[in-house]
Every structure is written in C-alpha cells, then in structure tokens.
C-alpha cells in the first residue's frame, strides 16, 4: 500500500475509526465519498489520522473528518469528478 500524503485524493472505504463522522459541514461522511487530505495528524505512540475534506459542487464543505489510513484509499484525481 502506498502511503497517503497531504493533498492526495482519497475515497472513504470504511467509517471504522472515523472522528468527526457526525458531520462537520453540510452532512456526515459516507462510504464511497471522495475528498482531499488537508492534514496528517500525528502524535507519539498513536497511528496517524488523515483529516479529509469533501467539497460540494458549489465549493462549500460537505464534511470534514479524520480517518485512520485503513479507512481510506488513494484515487486518481479524475475519479473524484461528479
């Protein structure tokens, strides 16, 4: 598995371990949603978490939540188009 980096396009594979999945934004994240990694959250002794933003067509935030790596998969930017 290739490491996920900041600004990568990702797809939500699972909501297991998601923080903020109650929905900061217009709605909650759903499996299959795509977004961009806006930050990588690191702390000693804990696995990295990836802060992901999903943006709606009108450029407002659909949701912002953090996920463990196993809950995400990298996608090509072309795959994120509606």
PDB file of N, CA and C in Angstrom:
ATOM      1  N   UNK A   1       0.849  -1.184   0.000  1.00  0.00           N
ATOM      2  CA  UNK A   1       0.000   0.000   0.000  1.00  0.00           C
ATOM      3  C   UNK A   1       0.892   1.244   0.000  1.00  0.00           C
ATOM      4  N   UNK A   2       0.605   2.166  -0.895  1.00  0.00           N
ATOM      5  CA  UNK A   2       1.356   3.408  -0.958  1.00  0.00           C
ATOM      6  C   UNK A   2       0.857   4.346   0.130  1.00  0.00           C
ATOM      7  N   UNK A   3       1.777   5.006   0.792  1.00  0.00           N
ATOM      8  CA  UNK A   3       1.408   5.906   1.882  1.00  0.00           C
ATOM      9  C   UNK A   3       0.554   7.056   1.360  1.00  0.00           C
ATOM     10  N   UNK A   4      -0.423   7.425   2.138  1.00  0.00           N
ATOM     11  CA  UNK A   4      -1.270   8.569   1.804  1.00  0.00           C
ATOM     12  C   UNK A   4      -0.526   9.828   2.235  1.00  0.00           C
ATOM     13  N   UNK A   5      -0.532  10.811   1.348  1.00  0.00           N
ATOM     14  CA  UNK A   5       0.164  12.072   1.625  1.00  0.00           C
ATOM     15  C   UNK A   5      -0.828  13.226   1.643  1.00  0.00           C
ATOM     16  N   UNK A   6      -0.390  14.345   2.205  1.00  0.00           N
ATOM     17  CA  UNK A   6      -1.198  15.553   2.221  1.00  0.00           C
ATOM     18  C   UNK A   6      -1.549  15.943   0.792  1.00  0.00           C
ATOM     19  N   UNK A   7      -2.792  16.361   0.576  1.00  0.00           N
ATOM     20  CA  UNK A   7      -3.359  16.786  -0.709  1.00  0.00           C
ATOM     21  C   UNK A   7      -3.741  15.637  -1.629  1.00  0.00           C
ATOM     22  N   UNK A   8      -3.514  14.385  -1.228  1.00  0.00           N
ATOM     23  CA  UNK A   8      -3.961  13.261  -2.040  1.00  0.00           C
ATOM     24  C   UNK A   8      -5.491  13.228  -2.087  1.00  0.00           C
ATOM     25  N   UNK A   9      -6.009  12.768  -3.224  1.00  0.00           N
ATOM     26  CA  UNK A   9      -7.446  12.486  -3.338  1.00  0.00           C
ATOM     27  C   UNK A   9      -7.667  11.081  -2.782  1.00  0.00           C
ATOM     28  N   UNK A  10      -8.686  10.942  -1.942  1.00  0.00           N
ATOM     29  CA  UNK A  10      -8.968   9.654  -1.302  1.00  0.00           C
ATOM     30  C   UNK A  10     -10.462   9.350  -1.361  1.00  0.00           C
ATOM     31  N   UNK A  11     -10.770   8.048  -1.246  1.00  0.00           N
ATOM     32  CA  UNK A  11     -12.150   7.581  -1.154  1.00  0.00           C
ATOM     33  C   UNK A  11     -12.326   6.920   0.208  1.00  0.00           C
ATOM     34  N   UNK A  12     -13.467   7.153   0.820  1.00  0.00           N
ATOM     35  CA  UNK A  12     -13.788   6.543   2.112  1.00  0.00           C
ATOM     36  C   UNK A  12     -14.173   5.084   1.880  1.00  0.00           C
ATOM     37  N   UNK A  13     -13.403   4.173   2.481  1.00  0.00           N
ATOM     38  CA  UNK A  13     -13.669   2.728   2.381  1.00  0.00           C
ATOM     39  C   UNK A  13     -14.471   2.221   3.572  1.00  0.00           C
ATOM     40  N   UNK A  14     -14.305   2.901   4.716  1.00  0.00           N
ATOM     41  CA  UNK A  14     -14.927   2.450   5.960  1.00  0.00           C
ATOM     42  C   UNK A  14     -15.091   3.646   6.882  1.00  0.00           C
ATOM     43  N   UNK A  15     -16.073   3.597   7.751  1.00  0.00           N
ATOM     44  CA  UNK A  15     -16.248   4.640   8.762  1.00  0.00           C
ATOM     45  C   UNK A  15     -15.656   4.200  10.097  1.00  0.00           C
ATOM     46  N   UNK A  16     -15.047   3.000  10.123  1.00  0.00           N
ATOM     47  CA  UNK A  16     -14.418   2.468  11.330  1.00  0.00           C
ATOM     48  C   UNK A  16     -13.248   3.353  11.739  1.00  0.00           C
ATOM     49  N   UNK A  17     -13.317   3.906  12.929  1.00  0.00           N
ATOM     50  CA  UNK A  17     -12.242   4.753  13.441  1.00  0.00           C
ATOM     51  C   UNK A  17     -12.356   6.212  13.043  1.00  0.00           C
ATOM     52  N   UNK A  18     -13.421   6.557  12.327  1.00  0.00           N
ATOM     53  CA  UNK A  18     -13.612   7.943  11.882  1.00  0.00           C
ATOM     54  C   UNK A  18     -13.889   8.842  13.089  1.00  0.00           C
ATOM     55  N   UNK A  19     -13.258   9.992  13.084  1.00  0.00           N
ATOM     56  CA  UNK A  19     -13.522  11.012  14.110  1.00  0.00           C
ATOM     57  C   UNK A  19     -14.171  12.190  13.408  1.00  0.00           C
ATOM     58  N   UNK A  20     -15.245  12.677  13.939  1.00  0.00           N
ATOM     59  CA  UNK A  20     -15.967  13.774  13.316  1.00  0.00           C
ATOM     60  C   UNK A  20     -16.994  13.281  12.312  1.00  0.00           C
ATOM     61  N   UNK A  21     -17.300  11.996  12.365  1.00  0.00           N
ATOM     62  CA  UNK A  21     -18.234  11.422  11.392  1.00  0.00           C
ATOM     63  C   UNK A  21     -19.686  11.751  11.680  1.00  0.00           C
ATOM     64  N   UNK A  22     -19.911  12.569  12.675  1.00  0.00           N
ATOM     65  CA  UNK A  22     -21.269  13.058  12.879  1.00  0.00           C
ATOM     66  C   UNK A  22     -21.537  14.199  11.914  1.00  0.00           C
ATOM     67  N   UNK A  23     -20.498  14.667  11.227  1.00  0.00           N
ATOM     68  CA  UNK A  23     -20.672  15.634  10.157  1.00  0.00           C
ATOM     69  C   UNK A  23     -20.382  17.062  10.514  1.00  0.00           C
ATOM     70  N   UNK A  24     -19.145  17.468  10.319  1.00  0.00           N
ATOM     71  CA  UNK A  24     -18.795  18.877  10.409  1.00  0.00           C
ATOM     72  C   UNK A  24     -18.919  19.390   8.984  1.00  0.00           C
ATOM     73  N   UNK A  25     -19.971  20.106   8.708  1.00  0.00           N
ATOM     74  CA  UNK A  25     -20.272  20.543   7.352  1.00  0.00           C
ATOM     75  C   UNK A  25     -21.741  20.310   7.076  1.00  0.00           C
ATOM     76  N   UNK A  26     -22.088  20.171   5.793  1.00  0.00           N
ATOM     77  CA  UNK A  26     -23.484  20.034   5.397  1.00  0.00           C
ATOM     78  C   UNK A  26     -24.060  18.661   5.729  1.00  0.00           C
ATOM     79  N   UNK A  27     -23.187  17.625   5.785  1.00  0.00           N
ATOM     80  CA  UNK A  27     -23.673  16.271   6.060  1.00  0.00           C
ATOM     81  C   UNK A  27     -22.541  15.425   6.623  1.00  0.00           C
ATOM     82  N   UNK A  28     -22.877  14.214   7.011  1.00  0.00           N
ATOM     83  CA  UNK A  28     -21.871  13.282   7.529  1.00  0.00           C
ATOM     84  C   UNK A  28     -21.196  12.536   6.376  1.00  0.00           C
ATOM     85  N   UNK A  29     -19.962  12.065   6.568  1.00  0.00           N
ATOM     86  CA  UNK A  29     -19.295  11.264   5.543  1.00  0.00           C
ATOM     87  C   UNK A  29     -20.036   9.949   5.297  1.00  0.00           C
ATOM     88  N   UNK A  30     -19.876   9.415   4.088  1.00  0.00           N
ATOM     89  CA  UNK A  30     -20.469   8.130   3.726  1.00  0.00           C
ATOM     90  C   UNK A  30     -19.428   7.307   2.972  1.00  0.00           C
ATOM     91  N   UNK A  31     -19.535   6.000   3.073  1.00  0.00           N
ATOM     92  CA  UNK A  31     -18.642   5.114   2.328  1.00  0.00           C
ATOM     93  C   UNK A  31     -18.810   5.414   0.837  1.00  0.00           C
ATOM     94  N   UNK A  32     -17.673   5.550   0.139  1.00  0.00           N
ATOM     95  CA  UNK A  32     -17.684   5.865  -1.281  1.00  0.00           C
ATOM     96  C   UNK A  32     -17.464   7.334  -1.578  1.00  0.00           C
ATOM     97  N   UNK A  33     -17.629   8.206  -0.580  1.00  0.00           N
ATOM     98  CA  UNK A  33     -17.351   9.629  -0.781  1.00  0.00           C
ATOM     99  C   UNK A  33     -15.880   9.832  -1.106  1.00  0.00           C
ATOM    100  N   UNK A  34     -15.583  10.877  -1.864  1.00  0.00           N
ATOM    101  CA  UNK A  34     -14.198  11.242  -2.128  1.00  0.00           C
ATOM    102  C   UNK A  34     -13.919  12.612  -1.543  1.00  0.00           C
ATOM    103  N   UNK A  35     -12.646  12.840  -1.247  1.00  0.00           N
ATOM    104  CA  UNK A  35     -12.226  14.123  -0.698  1.00  0.00           C
ATOM    105  C   UNK A  35     -10.732  14.257  -0.820  1.00  0.00           C
ATOM    106  N   UNK A  36     -10.203  15.300  -0.205  1.00  0.00           N
ATOM    107  CA  UNK A  36      -8.767  15.567  -0.232  1.00  0.00           C
ATOM    108  C   UNK A  36      -8.218  15.583   1.185  1.00  0.00           C
ATOM    109  N   UNK A  37      -7.028  15.022   1.341  1.00  0.00           N
ATOM    110  CA  UNK A  37      -6.351  15.042   2.636  1.00  0.00           C
ATOM    111  C   UNK A  37      -5.822  16.463   2.843  1.00  0.00           C
ATOM    112  N   UNK A  38      -6.321  17.136   3.865  1.00  0.00           N
ATOM    113  CA  UNK A  38      -5.890  18.508   4.126  1.00  0.00           C
ATOM    114  C   UNK A  38      -4.825  18.590   5.208  1.00  0.00           C
ATOM    115  N   UNK A  39      -4.680  17.516   5.994  1.00  0.00           N
ATOM    116  CA  UNK A  39      -3.640  17.488   7.028  1.00  0.00           C
ATOM    117  C   UNK A  39      -3.456  16.050   7.506  1.00  0.00           C
ATOM    118  N   UNK A  40      -2.249  15.761   7.967  1.00  0.00           N
ATOM    119  CA  UNK A  40      -1.961  14.472   8.582  1.00  0.00           C
ATOM    120  C   UNK A  40      -1.712  14.735  10.057  1.00  0.00           C
ATOM    121  N   UNK A  41      -2.498  14.101  10.893  1.00  0.00           N
ATOM    122  CA  UNK A  41      -2.426  14.317  12.335  1.00  0.00           C
ATOM    123  C   UNK A  41      -1.562  13.228  12.947  1.00  0.00           C
ATOM    124  N   UNK A  42      -0.483  13.615  13.610  1.00  0.00           N
ATOM    125  CA  UNK A  42       0.464  12.668  14.204  1.00  0.00           C
ATOM    126  C   UNK A  42       0.648  12.959  15.681  1.00  0.00           C
ATOM    127  N   UNK A  43       0.788  11.889  16.455  1.00  0.00           N
ATOM    128  CA  UNK A  43       1.086  12.005  17.878  1.00  0.00           C
ATOM    129  C   UNK A  43       1.921  10.795  18.276  1.00  0.00           C
ATOM    130  N   UNK A  44       2.873  11.009  19.166  1.00  0.00           N
ATOM    131  CA  UNK A  44       3.724   9.910  19.622  1.00  0.00           C
ATOM    132  C   UNK A  44       2.889   8.754  20.146  1.00  0.00           C
ATOM    133  N   UNK A  45       3.209   7.561  19.676  1.00  0.00           N
ATOM    134  CA  UNK A  45       2.554   6.354  20.159  1.00  0.00           C
ATOM    135  C   UNK A  45       1.186   6.074  19.570  1.00  0.00           C
ATOM    136  N   UNK A  46       0.702   6.930  18.685  1.00  0.00           N
ATOM    137  CA  UNK A  46      -0.609   6.728  18.076  1.00  0.00           C
ATOM    138  C   UNK A  46      -0.470   6.645  16.561  1.00  0.00           C
ATOM    139  N   UNK A  47      -1.340   5.894  15.904  1.00  0.00           N
ATOM    140  CA  UNK A  47      -1.271   5.848  14.434  1.00  0.00           C
ATOM    141  C   UNK A  47      -1.693   7.194  13.844  1.00  0.00           C
ATOM    142  N   UNK A  48      -1.168   7.506  12.679  1.00  0.00           N
ATOM    143  CA  UNK A  48      -1.548   8.749  12.011  1.00  0.00           C
ATOM    144  C   UNK A  48      -3.035   8.742  11.682  1.00  0.00           C
ATOM    145  N   UNK A  49      -3.627   9.916  11.702  1.00  0.00           N
ATOM    146  CA  UNK A  49      -5.001  10.123  11.256  1.00  0.00           C
ATOM    147  C   UNK A  49      -4.930  11.127  10.106  1.00  0.00           C
ATOM    148  N   UNK A  50      -5.861  11.011   9.186  1.00  0.00           N
ATOM    149  CA  UNK A  50      -5.864  11.846   7.993  1.00  0.00           C
ATOM    150  C   UNK A  50      -7.118  12.706   8.001  1.00  0.00           C
ATOM    151  N   UNK A  51      -6.919  14.026   8.054  1.00  0.00           N
ATOM    152  CA  UNK A  51      -8.026  14.970   8.039  1.00  0.00           C
ATOM    153  C   UNK A  51      -8.429  15.173   6.581  1.00  0.00           C
ATOM    154  N   UNK A  52      -9.667  14.804   6.264  1.00  0.00           N
ATOM    155  CA  UNK A  52     -10.150  14.810   4.882  1.00  0.00           C
ATOM    156  C   UNK A  52     -11.322  15.778   4.767  1.00  0.00           C
ATOM    157  N   UNK A  53     -11.307  16.565   3.676  1.00  0.00           N
ATOM    158  CA  UNK A  53     -12.423  17.459   3.378  1.00  0.00           C
ATOM    159  C   UNK A  53     -13.088  17.014   2.084  1.00  0.00           C
ATOM    160  N   UNK A  54     -14.389  16.908   2.120  1.00  0.00           N
ATOM    161  CA  UNK A  54     -15.198  16.625   0.943  1.00  0.00           C
ATOM    162  C   UNK A  54     -15.916  17.920   0.589  1.00  0.00           C
ATOM    163  N   UNK A  55     -15.765  18.361  -0.651  1.00  0.00           N
ATOM    164  CA  UNK A  55     -16.327  19.638  -1.084  1.00  0.00           C
ATOM    165  C   UNK A  55     -17.477  19.396  -2.056  1.00  0.00           C
ATOM    166  N   UNK A  56     -18.545  20.160  -1.886  1.00  0.00           N
ATOM    167  CA  UNK A  56     -19.712  20.070  -2.757  1.00  0.00           C
ATOM    168  C   UNK A  56     -19.468  20.855  -4.050  1.00  0.00           C
ATOM    169  N   UNK A  57     -20.283  20.631  -5.070  1.00  0.00           N
ATOM    170  CA  UNK A  57     -20.103  21.354  -6.339  1.00  0.00           C
ATOM    171  C   UNK A  57     -20.125  22.882  -6.214  1.00  0.00           C
ATOM    172  N   UNK A  58     -20.803  23.407  -5.191  1.00  0.00           N
ATOM    173  CA  UNK A  58     -20.844  24.867  -5.017  1.00  0.00           C
ATOM    174  C   UNK A  58     -19.670  25.384  -4.184  1.00  0.00           C
ATOM    175  N   UNK A  59     -18.675  24.531  -3.951  1.00  0.00           N
ATOM    176  CA  UNK A  59     -17.432  24.856  -3.241  1.00  0.00           C
ATOM    177  C   UNK A  59     -17.598  25.013  -1.733  1.00  0.00           C
ATOM    178  N   UNK A  60     -18.731  24.594  -1.180  1.00  0.00           N
ATOM    179  CA  UNK A  60     -18.885  24.581   0.267  1.00  0.00           C
ATOM    180  C   UNK A  60     -18.489  23.206   0.788  1.00  0.00           C
ATOM    181  N   UNK A  61     -18.177  23.137   2.063  1.00  0.00           N
ATOM    182  CA  UNK A  61     -17.751  21.881   2.665  1.00  0.00           C
ATOM    183  C   UNK A  61     -18.931  20.955   2.901  1.00  0.00           C
ATOM    184  N   UNK A  62     -18.863  19.762   2.304  1.00  0.00           N
ATOM    185  CA  UNK A  62     -19.878  18.738   2.577  1.00  0.00           C
ATOM    186  C   UNK A  62     -19.612  18.161   3.965  1.00  0.00           C
ATOM    187  N   UNK A  63     -18.330  17.824   4.229  1.00  0.00           N
ATOM    188  CA  UNK A  63     -17.929  17.332   5.547  1.00  0.00           C
ATOM    189  C   UNK A  63     -16.416  17.441   5.709  1.00  0.00           C
ATOM    190  N   UNK A  64     -15.995  17.435   6.956  1.00  0.00           N
ATOM    191  CA  UNK A  64     -14.586  17.445   7.344  1.00  0.00           C
ATOM    192  C   UNK A  64     -14.462  16.462   8.494  1.00  0.00           C
ATOM    193  N   UNK A  65     -13.625  15.434   8.318  1.00  0.00           N
ATOM    194  CA  UNK A  65     -13.494  14.401   9.351  1.00  0.00           C
ATOM    195  C   UNK A  65     -12.111  13.778   9.261  1.00  0.00           C
ATOM    196  N   UNK A  66     -11.681  13.117  10.330  1.00  0.00           N
ATOM    197  CA  UNK A  66     -10.385  12.431  10.314  1.00  0.00           C
ATOM    198  C   UNK A  66     -10.611  10.922  10.301  1.00  0.00           C
ATOM    199  N   UNK A  67      -9.710  10.235   9.570  1.00  0.00           N
ATOM    200  CA  UNK A  67      -9.815   8.800   9.361  1.00  0.00           C
ATOM    201  C   UNK A  67      -8.462   8.143   9.573  1.00  0.00           C
ATOM    202  N   UNK A  68      -8.451   6.892  10.049  1.00  0.00           N
ATOM    203  CA  UNK A  68      -7.203   6.122  10.044  1.00  0.00           C
ATOM    204  C   UNK A  68      -6.925   5.689   8.602  1.00  0.00           C
ATOM    205  N   UNK A  69      -5.681   5.349   8.315  1.00  0.00           N
ATOM    206  CA  UNK A  69      -5.287   5.001   6.947  1.00  0.00           C
ATOM    207  C   UNK A  69      -6.100   3.842   6.375  1.00  0.00           C
ATOM    208  N   UNK A  70      -6.407   2.826   7.199  1.00  0.00           N
ATOM    209  CA  UNK A  70      -7.132   1.658   6.678  1.00  0.00           C
ATOM    210  C   UNK A  70      -8.533   1.998   6.181  1.00  0.00           C
ATOM    211  N   UNK A  71      -9.074   3.137   6.573  1.00  0.00           N
ATOM    212  CA  UNK A  71     -10.427   3.520   6.175  1.00  0.00           C
ATOM    213  C   UNK A  71     -10.462   4.285   4.851  1.00  0.00           C
ATOM    214  N   UNK A  72      -9.279   4.546   4.275  1.00  0.00           N
ATOM    215  CA  UNK A  72      -9.187   5.346   3.052  1.00  0.00           C
ATOM    216  C   UNK A  72      -8.444   4.603   1.962  1.00  0.00           C
ATOM    217  N   UNK A  73      -8.701   4.987   0.713  1.00  0.00           N
ATOM    218  CA  UNK A  73      -7.886   4.522  -0.409  1.00  0.00           C
ATOM    219  C   UNK A  73      -7.591   5.714  -1.307  1.00  0.00           C
ATOM    220  N   UNK A  74      -6.361   5.769  -1.805  1.00  0.00           N
ATOM    221  CA  UNK A  74      -5.985   6.837  -2.732  1.00  0.00           C
ATOM    222  C   UNK A  74      -6.698   6.618  -4.055  1.00  0.00           C
ATOM    223  N   UNK A  75      -7.090   7.711  -4.705  1.00  0.00           N
ATOM    224  CA  UNK A  75      -7.709   7.639  -6.016  1.00  0.00           C
ATOM    225  C   UNK A  75      -7.053   8.664  -6.936  1.00  0.00           C
ATOM    226  N   UNK A  76      -7.183   8.420  -8.224  1.00  0.00           N
ATOM    227  CA  UNK A  76      -6.705   9.400  -9.206  1.00  0.00           C
ATOM    228  C   UNK A  76      -7.663  10.588  -9.159  1.00  0.00           C
ATOM    229  N   UNK A  77      -7.149  11.782  -9.359  1.00  0.00           N
ATOM    230  CA  UNK A  77      -7.996  12.980  -9.289  1.00  0.00           C
ATOM    231  C   UNK A  77      -9.177  12.903 -10.261  1.00  0.00           C
ATOM    232  N   UNK A  78      -9.002  12.262 -11.425  1.00  0.00           N
ATOM    233  CA  UNK A  78     -10.093  12.131 -12.392  1.00  0.00           C
ATOM    234  C   UNK A  78     -11.261  11.337 -11.810  1.00  0.00           C
ATOM    235  N   UNK A  79     -10.987  10.440 -10.861  1.00  0.00           N
ATOM    236  CA  UNK A  79     -12.036   9.620 -10.264  1.00  0.00           C
ATOM    237  C   UNK A  79     -12.914  10.405  -9.311  1.00  0.00           C
ATOM    238  N   UNK A  80     -12.507  11.609  -8.910  1.00  0.00           N
ATOM    239  CA  UNK A  80     -13.271  12.394  -7.941  1.00  0.00           C
ATOM    240  C   UNK A  80     -14.305  13.277  -8.609  1.00  0.00           C
ATOM    241  N   UNK A  81     -14.256  13.396  -9.937  1.00  0.00           N
ATOM    242  CA  UNK A  81     -15.207  14.246 -10.650  1.00  0.00           C
ATOM    243  C   UNK A  81     -16.613  13.655 -10.556  1.00  0.00           C
ATOM    244  N   UNK A  82     -17.634  14.525 -10.397  1.00  0.00           N
ATOM    245  CA  UNK A  82     -19.010  14.017 -10.300  1.00  0.00           C
ATOM    246  C   UNK A  82     -19.497  13.427 -11.611  1.00  0.00           C
TER     247      UNK A  82
END
